[in-house]
């Protein structure tokens, strides 16, 4: 698979994964802002004082970056394993 096709397939897979992620947003009086969160990614929360949609969009971007980093790590690891087997 060429590099562009592989990248496109990876991005498509991340988008499919993202469709299964549940998000929620609520008003946080303590922060005086909308708080966006996902149970699947408890370490990631985003606040936005003006817009719940902006909070969700920012959280969506952060989760996408995590999924991309995980996918890249898996790809590098599987490529490294394949190279190791080929050299053996």
PDB file of N, CA and C in Angstrom:
ATOM      1  N   UNK A   1       0.861  -1.172   0.000  1.00  0.00           N
ATOM      2  CA  UNK A   1       0.000   0.000   0.000  1.00  0.00           C
ATOM      3  C   UNK A   1       0.905   1.232   0.000  1.00  0.00           C
ATOM      4  N   UNK A   2       0.607   2.174  -0.896  1.00  0.00           N
ATOM      5  CA  UNK A   2       1.465   3.349  -0.924  1.00  0.00           C
ATOM      6  C   UNK A   2       1.184   4.246   0.279  1.00  0.00           C
ATOM      7  N   UNK A   3       2.071   5.195   0.494  1.00  0.00           N
ATOM      8  CA  UNK A   3       2.022   6.037   1.687  1.00  0.00           C
ATOM      9  C   UNK A   3       0.735   6.852   1.785  1.00  0.00           C
ATOM     10  N   UNK A   4       0.291   7.427   0.657  1.00  0.00           N
ATOM     11  CA  UNK A   4      -0.933   8.239   0.678  1.00  0.00           C
ATOM     12  C   UNK A   4      -2.152   7.391   1.009  1.00  0.00           C
ATOM     13  N   UNK A   5      -2.232   6.203   0.420  1.00  0.00           N
ATOM     14  CA  UNK A   5      -3.364   5.314   0.700  1.00  0.00           C
ATOM     15  C   UNK A   5      -3.356   4.863   2.151  1.00  0.00           C
ATOM     16  N   UNK A   6      -2.159   4.552   2.650  1.00  0.00           N
ATOM     17  CA  UNK A   6      -2.049   4.127   4.041  1.00  0.00           C
ATOM     18  C   UNK A   6      -2.495   5.252   4.975  1.00  0.00           C
ATOM     19  N   UNK A   7      -2.054   6.478   4.710  1.00  0.00           N
ATOM     20  CA  UNK A   7      -2.442   7.626   5.532  1.00  0.00           C
ATOM     21  C   UNK A   7      -3.946   7.841   5.492  1.00  0.00           C
ATOM     22  N   UNK A   8      -4.536   7.741   4.298  1.00  0.00           N
ATOM     23  CA  UNK A   8      -5.981   7.920   4.156  1.00  0.00           C
ATOM     24  C   UNK A   8      -6.736   6.830   4.920  1.00  0.00           C
ATOM     25  N   UNK A   9      -6.266   5.596   4.809  1.00  0.00           N
ATOM     26  CA  UNK A   9      -6.909   4.487   5.517  1.00  0.00           C
ATOM     27  C   UNK A   9      -6.810   4.685   7.023  1.00  0.00           C
ATOM     28  N   UNK A  10      -5.670   5.168   7.485  1.00  0.00           N
ATOM     29  CA  UNK A  10      -5.477   5.422   8.910  1.00  0.00           C
ATOM     30  C   UNK A  10      -6.423   6.514   9.394  1.00  0.00           C
ATOM     31  N   UNK A  11      -6.530   7.596   8.643  1.00  0.00           N
ATOM     32  CA  UNK A  11      -7.437   8.685   9.021  1.00  0.00           C
ATOM     33  C   UNK A  11      -8.891   8.234   8.996  1.00  0.00           C
ATOM     34  N   UNK A  12      -9.255   7.421   8.013  1.00  0.00           N
ATOM     35  CA  UNK A  12     -10.622   6.891   7.952  1.00  0.00           C
ATOM     36  C   UNK A  12     -10.925   6.022   9.167  1.00  0.00           C
ATOM     37  N   UNK A  13      -9.963   5.201   9.567  1.00  0.00           N
ATOM     38  CA  UNK A  13     -10.144   4.343  10.738  1.00  0.00           C
ATOM     39  C   UNK A  13     -10.308   5.181  12.009  1.00  0.00           C
ATOM     40  N   UNK A  14      -9.545   6.243  12.127  1.00  0.00           N
ATOM     41  CA  UNK A  14      -9.657   7.125  13.293  1.00  0.00           C
ATOM     42  C   UNK A  14     -11.026   7.787  13.324  1.00  0.00           C
ATOM     43  N   UNK A  15     -11.515   8.228  12.176  1.00  0.00           N
ATOM     44  CA  UNK A  15     -12.848   8.832  12.121  1.00  0.00           C
ATOM     45  C   UNK A  15     -13.922   7.823  12.530  1.00  0.00           C
ATOM     46  N   UNK A  16     -13.777   6.566  12.102  1.00  0.00           N
ATOM     47  CA  UNK A  16     -14.734   5.521  12.507  1.00  0.00           C
ATOM     48  C   UNK A  16     -14.690   5.309  14.017  1.00  0.00           C
ATOM     49  N   UNK A  17     -13.492   5.286  14.583  1.00  0.00           N
ATOM     50  CA  UNK A  17     -13.363   5.128  16.032  1.00  0.00           C
ATOM     51  C   UNK A  17     -13.998   6.306  16.757  1.00  0.00           C
ATOM     52  N   UNK A  18     -13.789   7.493  16.228  1.00  0.00           N
ATOM     53  CA  UNK A  18     -14.315   8.703  16.858  1.00  0.00           C
ATOM     54  C   UNK A  18     -15.840   8.708  16.875  1.00  0.00           C
ATOM     55  N   UNK A  19     -16.453   8.106  15.864  1.00  0.00           N
ATOM     56  CA  UNK A  19     -17.916   8.030  15.834  1.00  0.00           C
ATOM     57  C   UNK A  19     -18.473   7.236  17.011  1.00  0.00           C
ATOM     58  N   UNK A  20     -17.682   6.330  17.562  1.00  0.00           N
ATOM     59  CA  UNK A  20     -18.128   5.521  18.690  1.00  0.00           C
ATOM     60  C   UNK A  20     -17.832   6.126  20.051  1.00  0.00           C
ATOM     61  N   UNK A  21     -17.200   7.292  20.070  1.00  0.00           N
ATOM     62  CA  UNK A  21     -16.846   7.929  21.342  1.00  0.00           C
ATOM     63  C   UNK A  21     -17.999   8.818  21.797  1.00  0.00           C
ATOM     64  N   UNK A  22     -18.390   8.644  23.044  1.00  0.00           N
ATOM     65  CA  UNK A  22     -19.484   9.419  23.619  1.00  0.00           C
ATOM     66  C   UNK A  22     -18.922  10.683  24.262  1.00  0.00           C
ATOM     67  N   UNK A  23     -19.503  11.836  23.917  1.00  0.00           N
ATOM     68  CA  UNK A  23     -19.122  13.130  24.479  1.00  0.00           C
ATOM     69  C   UNK A  23     -20.293  13.692  25.267  1.00  0.00           C
ATOM     70  N   UNK A  24     -19.987  14.537  26.211  1.00  0.00           N
ATOM     71  CA  UNK A  24     -21.042  15.296  26.877  1.00  0.00           C
ATOM     72  C   UNK A  24     -20.470  16.655  27.247  1.00  0.00           C
ATOM     73  N   UNK A  25     -21.359  17.588  27.466  1.00  0.00           N
ATOM     74  CA  UNK A  25     -20.951  18.933  27.855  1.00  0.00           C
ATOM     75  C   UNK A  25     -21.942  19.438  28.896  1.00  0.00           C
ATOM     76  N   UNK A  26     -21.434  20.131  29.886  1.00  0.00           N
ATOM     77  CA  UNK A  26     -22.305  20.709  30.917  1.00  0.00           C
ATOM     78  C   UNK A  26     -21.703  22.043  31.356  1.00  0.00           C
ATOM     79  N   UNK A  27     -22.517  22.819  32.035  1.00  0.00           N
ATOM     80  CA  UNK A  27     -22.040  24.088  32.558  1.00  0.00           C
ATOM     81  C   UNK A  27     -21.370  23.832  33.902  1.00  0.00           C
ATOM     82  N   UNK A  28     -20.189  24.378  34.086  1.00  0.00           N
ATOM     83  CA  UNK A  28     -19.465  24.242  35.346  1.00  0.00           C
ATOM     84  C   UNK A  28     -19.454  25.588  36.062  1.00  0.00           C
ATOM     85  N   UNK A  29     -20.272  25.719  37.114  1.00  0.00           N
ATOM     86  CA  UNK A  29     -20.263  26.985  37.858  1.00  0.00           C
ATOM     87  C   UNK A  29     -18.886  27.300  38.451  1.00  0.00           C
ATOM     88  N   UNK A  30     -18.175  26.261  38.867  1.00  0.00           N
ATOM     89  CA  UNK A  30     -16.849  26.449  39.448  1.00  0.00           C
ATOM     90  C   UNK A  30     -15.883  27.086  38.445  1.00  0.00           C
ATOM     91  N   UNK A  31     -15.957  26.641  37.192  1.00  0.00           N
ATOM     92  CA  UNK A  31     -15.084  27.179  36.142  1.00  0.00           C
ATOM     93  C   UNK A  31     -15.715  28.350  35.392  1.00  0.00           C
ATOM     94  N   UNK A  32     -16.998  28.582  35.616  1.00  0.00           N
ATOM     95  CA  UNK A  32     -17.748  29.578  34.841  1.00  0.00           C
ATOM     96  C   UNK A  32     -17.554  29.341  33.349  1.00  0.00           C
ATOM     97  N   UNK A  33     -17.681  28.075  32.977  1.00  0.00           N
ATOM     98  CA  UNK A  33     -17.462  27.699  31.580  1.00  0.00           C
ATOM     99  C   UNK A  33     -18.169  26.383  31.292  1.00  0.00           C
ATOM    100  N   UNK A  34     -18.347  26.125  30.002  1.00  0.00           N
ATOM    101  CA  UNK A  34     -18.862  24.825  29.583  1.00  0.00           C
ATOM    102  C   UNK A  34     -17.717  23.821  29.673  1.00  0.00           C
ATOM    103  N   UNK A  35     -18.030  22.654  30.194  1.00  0.00           N
ATOM    104  CA  UNK A  35     -17.039  21.601  30.378  1.00  0.00           C
ATOM    105  C   UNK A  35     -17.411  20.423  29.487  1.00  0.00           C
ATOM    106  N   UNK A  36     -16.527  20.093  28.550  1.00  0.00           N
ATOM    107  CA  UNK A  36     -16.746  18.949  27.655  1.00  0.00           C
ATOM    108  C   UNK A  36     -15.878  17.800  28.143  1.00  0.00           C
ATOM    109  N   UNK A  37     -16.461  16.589  28.125  1.00  0.00           N
ATOM    110  CA  UNK A  37     -15.724  15.423  28.604  1.00  0.00           C
ATOM    111  C   UNK A  37     -16.208  14.171  27.897  1.00  0.00           C
ATOM    112  N   UNK A  38     -15.416  13.119  28.035  1.00  0.00           N
ATOM    113  CA  UNK A  38     -15.768  11.813  27.498  1.00  0.00           C
ATOM    114  C   UNK A  38     -15.359  10.769  28.524  1.00  0.00           C
ATOM    115  N   UNK A  39     -16.264   9.847  28.827  1.00  0.00           N
ATOM    116  CA  UNK A  39     -15.973   8.791  29.791  1.00  0.00           C
ATOM    117  C   UNK A  39     -14.823   7.916  29.293  1.00  0.00           C
ATOM    118  N   UNK A  40     -14.746   7.716  27.971  1.00  0.00           N
ATOM    119  CA  UNK A  40     -13.682   6.878  27.403  1.00  0.00           C
ATOM    120  C   UNK A  40     -12.294   7.515  27.504  1.00  0.00           C
ATOM    121  N   UNK A  41     -12.246   8.829  27.659  1.00  0.00           N
ATOM    122  CA  UNK A  41     -10.983   9.557  27.761  1.00  0.00           C
ATOM    123  C   UNK A  41     -11.038  10.473  28.986  1.00  0.00           C
ATOM    124  N   UNK A  42     -11.028   9.892  30.183  1.00  0.00           N
ATOM    125  CA  UNK A  42     -11.237  10.688  31.397  1.00  0.00           C
ATOM    126  C   UNK A  42     -10.146  11.729  31.663  1.00  0.00           C
ATOM    127  N   UNK A  43      -8.969  11.536  31.119  1.00  0.00           N
ATOM    128  CA  UNK A  43      -7.887  12.506  31.341  1.00  0.00           C
ATOM    129  C   UNK A  43      -8.057  13.763  30.489  1.00  0.00           C
ATOM    130  N   UNK A  44      -8.932  13.702  29.500  1.00  0.00           N
ATOM    131  CA  UNK A  44      -9.142  14.848  28.616  1.00  0.00           C
ATOM    132  C   UNK A  44     -10.443  15.553  28.969  1.00  0.00           C
ATOM    133  N   UNK A  45     -10.341  16.793  29.373  1.00  0.00           N
ATOM    134  CA  UNK A  45     -11.513  17.647  29.548  1.00  0.00           C
ATOM    135  C   UNK A  45     -11.179  19.002  28.945  1.00  0.00           C
ATOM    136  N   UNK A  46     -12.203  19.678  28.486  1.00  0.00           N
ATOM    137  CA  UNK A  46     -12.011  20.973  27.843  1.00  0.00           C
ATOM    138  C   UNK A  46     -13.049  21.934  28.391  1.00  0.00           C
ATOM    139  N   UNK A  47     -12.639  23.152  28.661  1.00  0.00           N
ATOM    140  CA  UNK A  47     -13.588  24.184  29.066  1.00  0.00           C
ATOM    141  C   UNK A  47     -13.589  25.301  28.031  1.00  0.00           C
ATOM    142  N   UNK A  48     -14.755  25.916  27.895  1.00  0.00           N
ATOM    143  CA  UNK A  48     -14.897  27.079  27.031  1.00  0.00           C
ATOM    144  C   UNK A  48     -15.955  27.964  27.668  1.00  0.00           C
ATOM    145  N   UNK A  49     -15.603  29.194  27.947  1.00  0.00           N
ATOM    146  CA  UNK A  49     -16.506  30.098  28.654  1.00  0.00           C
ATOM    147  C   UNK A  49     -17.688  30.555  27.809  1.00  0.00           C
ATOM    148  N   UNK A  50     -17.576  30.464  26.495  1.00  0.00           N
ATOM    149  CA  UNK A  50     -18.602  31.038  25.637  1.00  0.00           C
ATOM    150  C   UNK A  50     -19.504  30.039  24.934  1.00  0.00           C
ATOM    151  N   UNK A  51     -18.979  28.863  24.608  1.00  0.00           N
ATOM    152  CA  UNK A  51     -19.727  27.996  23.708  1.00  0.00           C
ATOM    153  C   UNK A  51     -19.575  26.513  24.050  1.00  0.00           C
ATOM    154  N   UNK A  52     -20.702  25.822  24.255  1.00  0.00           N
ATOM    155  CA  UNK A  52     -20.615  24.374  24.453  1.00  0.00           C
ATOM    156  C   UNK A  52     -20.129  23.666  23.183  1.00  0.00           C
ATOM    157  N   UNK A  53     -20.511  24.177  22.026  1.00  0.00           N
ATOM    158  CA  UNK A  53     -20.059  23.575  20.765  1.00  0.00           C
ATOM    159  C   UNK A  53     -18.550  23.691  20.599  1.00  0.00           C
ATOM    160  N   UNK A  54     -18.001  24.828  20.975  1.00  0.00           N
ATOM    161  CA  UNK A  54     -16.549  25.013  20.881  1.00  0.00           C
ATOM    162  C   UNK A  54     -15.823  24.068  21.835  1.00  0.00           C
ATOM    163  N   UNK A  55     -16.389  23.850  23.008  1.00  0.00           N
ATOM    164  CA  UNK A  55     -15.779  22.912  23.960  1.00  0.00           C
ATOM    165  C   UNK A  55     -15.777  21.499  23.386  1.00  0.00           C
ATOM    166  N   UNK A  56     -16.894  21.089  22.794  1.00  0.00           N
ATOM    167  CA  UNK A  56     -16.985  19.753  22.185  1.00  0.00           C
ATOM    168  C   UNK A  56     -16.024  19.638  21.001  1.00  0.00           C
ATOM    169  N   UNK A  57     -15.966  20.667  20.165  1.00  0.00           N
ATOM    170  CA  UNK A  57     -15.069  20.629  18.998  1.00  0.00           C
ATOM    171  C   UNK A  57     -13.606  20.489  19.425  1.00  0.00           C
ATOM    172  N   UNK A  58     -13.225  21.211  20.471  1.00  0.00           N
ATOM    173  CA  UNK A  58     -11.850  21.130  20.960  1.00  0.00           C
ATOM    174  C   UNK A  58     -11.564  19.751  21.546  1.00  0.00           C
ATOM    175  N   UNK A  59     -12.522  19.212  22.294  1.00  0.00           N
ATOM    176  CA  UNK A  59     -12.356  17.864  22.841  1.00  0.00           C
ATOM    177  C   UNK A  59     -12.250  16.842  21.712  1.00  0.00           C
ATOM    178  N   UNK A  60     -13.072  16.991  20.708  1.00  0.00           N
ATOM    179  CA  UNK A  60     -13.037  16.113  19.538  1.00  0.00           C
ATOM    180  C   UNK A  60     -11.635  16.120  18.909  1.00  0.00           C
ATOM    181  N   UNK A  61     -11.061  17.297  18.760  1.00  0.00           N
ATOM    182  CA  UNK A  61      -9.710  17.419  18.188  1.00  0.00           C
ATOM    183  C   UNK A  61      -8.662  16.736  19.066  1.00  0.00           C
ATOM    184  N   UNK A  62      -8.787  16.912  20.383  1.00  0.00           N
ATOM    185  CA  UNK A  62      -7.817  16.295  21.298  1.00  0.00           C
ATOM    186  C   UNK A  62      -7.915  14.773  21.261  1.00  0.00           C
ATOM    187  N   UNK A  63      -9.129  14.246  21.226  1.00  0.00           N
ATOM    188  CA  UNK A  63      -9.310  12.794  21.166  1.00  0.00           C
ATOM    189  C   UNK A  63      -8.788  12.259  19.839  1.00  0.00           C
ATOM    190  N   UNK A  64      -9.039  12.978  18.758  1.00  0.00           N
ATOM    191  CA  UNK A  64      -8.529  12.576  17.440  1.00  0.00           C
ATOM    192  C   UNK A  64      -7.000  12.464  17.476  1.00  0.00           C
ATOM    193  N   UNK A  65      -6.336  13.419  18.130  1.00  0.00           N
ATOM    194  CA  UNK A  65      -4.874  13.384  18.239  1.00  0.00           C
ATOM    195  C   UNK A  65      -4.405  12.172  19.040  1.00  0.00           C
ATOM    196  N   UNK A  66      -5.120  11.837  20.112  1.00  0.00           N
ATOM    197  CA  UNK A  66      -4.769  10.654  20.909  1.00  0.00           C
ATOM    198  C   UNK A  66      -4.927   9.393  20.065  1.00  0.00           C
ATOM    199  N   UNK A  67      -6.044   9.288  19.350  1.00  0.00           N
ATOM    200  CA  UNK A  67      -6.276   8.111  18.507  1.00  0.00           C
ATOM    201  C   UNK A  67      -5.217   7.997  17.411  1.00  0.00           C
ATOM    202  N   UNK A  68      -4.827   9.125  16.837  1.00  0.00           N
ATOM    203  CA  UNK A  68      -3.791   9.119  15.802  1.00  0.00           C
ATOM    204  C   UNK A  68      -2.447   8.673  16.381  1.00  0.00           C
ATOM    205  N   UNK A  69      -2.107   9.183  17.561  1.00  0.00           N
ATOM    206  CA  UNK A  69      -0.848   8.791  18.199  1.00  0.00           C
ATOM    207  C   UNK A  69      -0.844   7.293  18.504  1.00  0.00           C
ATOM    208  N   UNK A  70      -1.972   6.772  19.000  1.00  0.00           N
ATOM    209  CA  UNK A  70      -2.067   5.337  19.286  1.00  0.00           C
ATOM    210  C   UNK A  70      -1.937   4.517  18.001  1.00  0.00           C
ATOM    211  N   UNK A  71      -2.585   4.957  16.945  1.00  0.00           N
ATOM    212  CA  UNK A  71      -2.521   4.235  15.668  1.00  0.00           C
ATOM    213  C   UNK A  71      -1.103   4.259  15.105  1.00  0.00           C
ATOM    214  N   UNK A  72      -0.443   5.399  15.190  1.00  0.00           N
ATOM    215  CA  UNK A  72       0.940   5.498  14.710  1.00  0.00           C
ATOM    216  C   UNK A  72       1.864   4.598  15.523  1.00  0.00           C
ATOM    217  N   UNK A  73       1.620   4.527  16.822  1.00  0.00           N
ATOM    218  CA  UNK A  73       2.433   3.663  17.683  1.00  0.00           C
ATOM    219  C   UNK A  73       2.241   2.195  17.296  1.00  0.00           C
ATOM    220  N   UNK A  74       0.992   1.792  17.074  1.00  0.00           N
ATOM    221  CA  UNK A  74       0.715   0.411  16.658  1.00  0.00           C
ATOM    222  C   UNK A  74       1.371   0.106  15.314  1.00  0.00           C
ATOM    223  N   UNK A  75       1.299   1.055  14.385  1.00  0.00           N
ATOM    224  CA  UNK A  75       1.874   0.865  13.056  1.00  0.00           C
ATOM    225  C   UNK A  75       3.392   0.718  13.142  1.00  0.00           C
ATOM    226  N   UNK A  76       4.032   1.589  13.915  1.00  0.00           N
ATOM    227  CA  UNK A  76       5.487   1.501  14.064  1.00  0.00           C
ATOM    228  C   UNK A  76       5.883   0.183  14.721  1.00  0.00           C
ATOM    229  N   UNK A  77       5.108  -0.227  15.732  1.00  0.00           N
ATOM    230  CA  UNK A  77       5.429  -1.462  16.439  1.00  0.00           C
ATOM    231  C   UNK A  77       5.270  -2.669  15.521  1.00  0.00           C
ATOM    232  N   UNK A  78       4.192  -2.707  14.737  1.00  0.00           N
ATOM    233  CA  UNK A  78       3.983  -3.850  13.844  1.00  0.00           C
ATOM    234  C   UNK A  78       5.008  -3.847  12.706  1.00  0.00           C
ATOM    235  N   UNK A  79       5.390  -2.681  12.227  1.00  0.00           N
ATOM    236  CA  UNK A  79       6.421  -2.592  11.192  1.00  0.00           C
ATOM    237  C   UNK A  79       7.761  -3.059  11.748  1.00  0.00           C
ATOM    238  N   UNK A  80       8.058  -2.652  12.965  1.00  0.00           N
ATOM    239  CA  UNK A  80       9.302  -3.060  13.613  1.00  0.00           C
ATOM    240  C   UNK A  80       9.340  -4.570  13.808  1.00  0.00           C
ATOM    241  N   UNK A  81       8.215  -5.155  14.202  1.00  0.00           N
ATOM    242  CA  UNK A  81       8.136  -6.603  14.387  1.00  0.00           C
ATOM    243  C   UNK A  81       8.325  -7.320  13.059  1.00  0.00           C
ATOM    244  N   UNK A  82       7.704  -6.812  12.004  1.00  0.00           N
ATOM    245  CA  UNK A  82       7.834  -7.425  10.678  1.00  0.00           C
ATOM    246  C   UNK A  82       9.284  -7.373  10.208  1.00  0.00           C
ATOM    247  N   UNK A  83       9.955  -6.264  10.456  1.00  0.00           N
ATOM    248  CA  UNK A  83      11.357  -6.138  10.062  1.00  0.00           C
ATOM    249  C   UNK A  83      12.210  -7.123  10.859  1.00  0.00           C
ATOM    250  N   UNK A  84      11.922  -7.266  12.152  1.00  0.00           N
ATOM    251  CA  UNK A  84      12.672  -8.207  12.992  1.00  0.00           C
ATOM    252  C   UNK A  84      12.527  -9.628  12.480  1.00  0.00           C
ATOM    253  N   UNK A  85      11.302 -10.022  12.115  1.00  0.00           N
ATOM    254  CA  UNK A  85      11.075 -11.366  11.588  1.00  0.00           C
ATOM    255  C   UNK A  85      11.791 -11.558  10.249  1.00  0.00           C
ATOM    256  N   UNK A  86      11.796 -10.515   9.436  1.00  0.00           N
ATOM    257  CA  UNK A  86      12.434 -10.612   8.122  1.00  0.00           C
ATOM    258  C   UNK A  86      13.952 -10.770   8.258  1.00  0.00           C
ATOM    259  N   UNK A  87      14.509 -10.156   9.287  1.00  0.00           N
ATOM    260  CA  UNK A  87      15.954 -10.227   9.492  1.00  0.00           C
ATOM    261  C   UNK A  87      16.382 -11.539  10.139  1.00  0.00           C
ATOM    262  N   UNK A  88      15.456 -12.225  10.807  1.00  0.00           N
ATOM    263  CA  UNK A  88      15.804 -13.460  11.537  1.00  0.00           C
ATOM    264  C   UNK A  88      16.082 -14.627  10.640  1.00  0.00           C
TER     265      UNK A  88
END
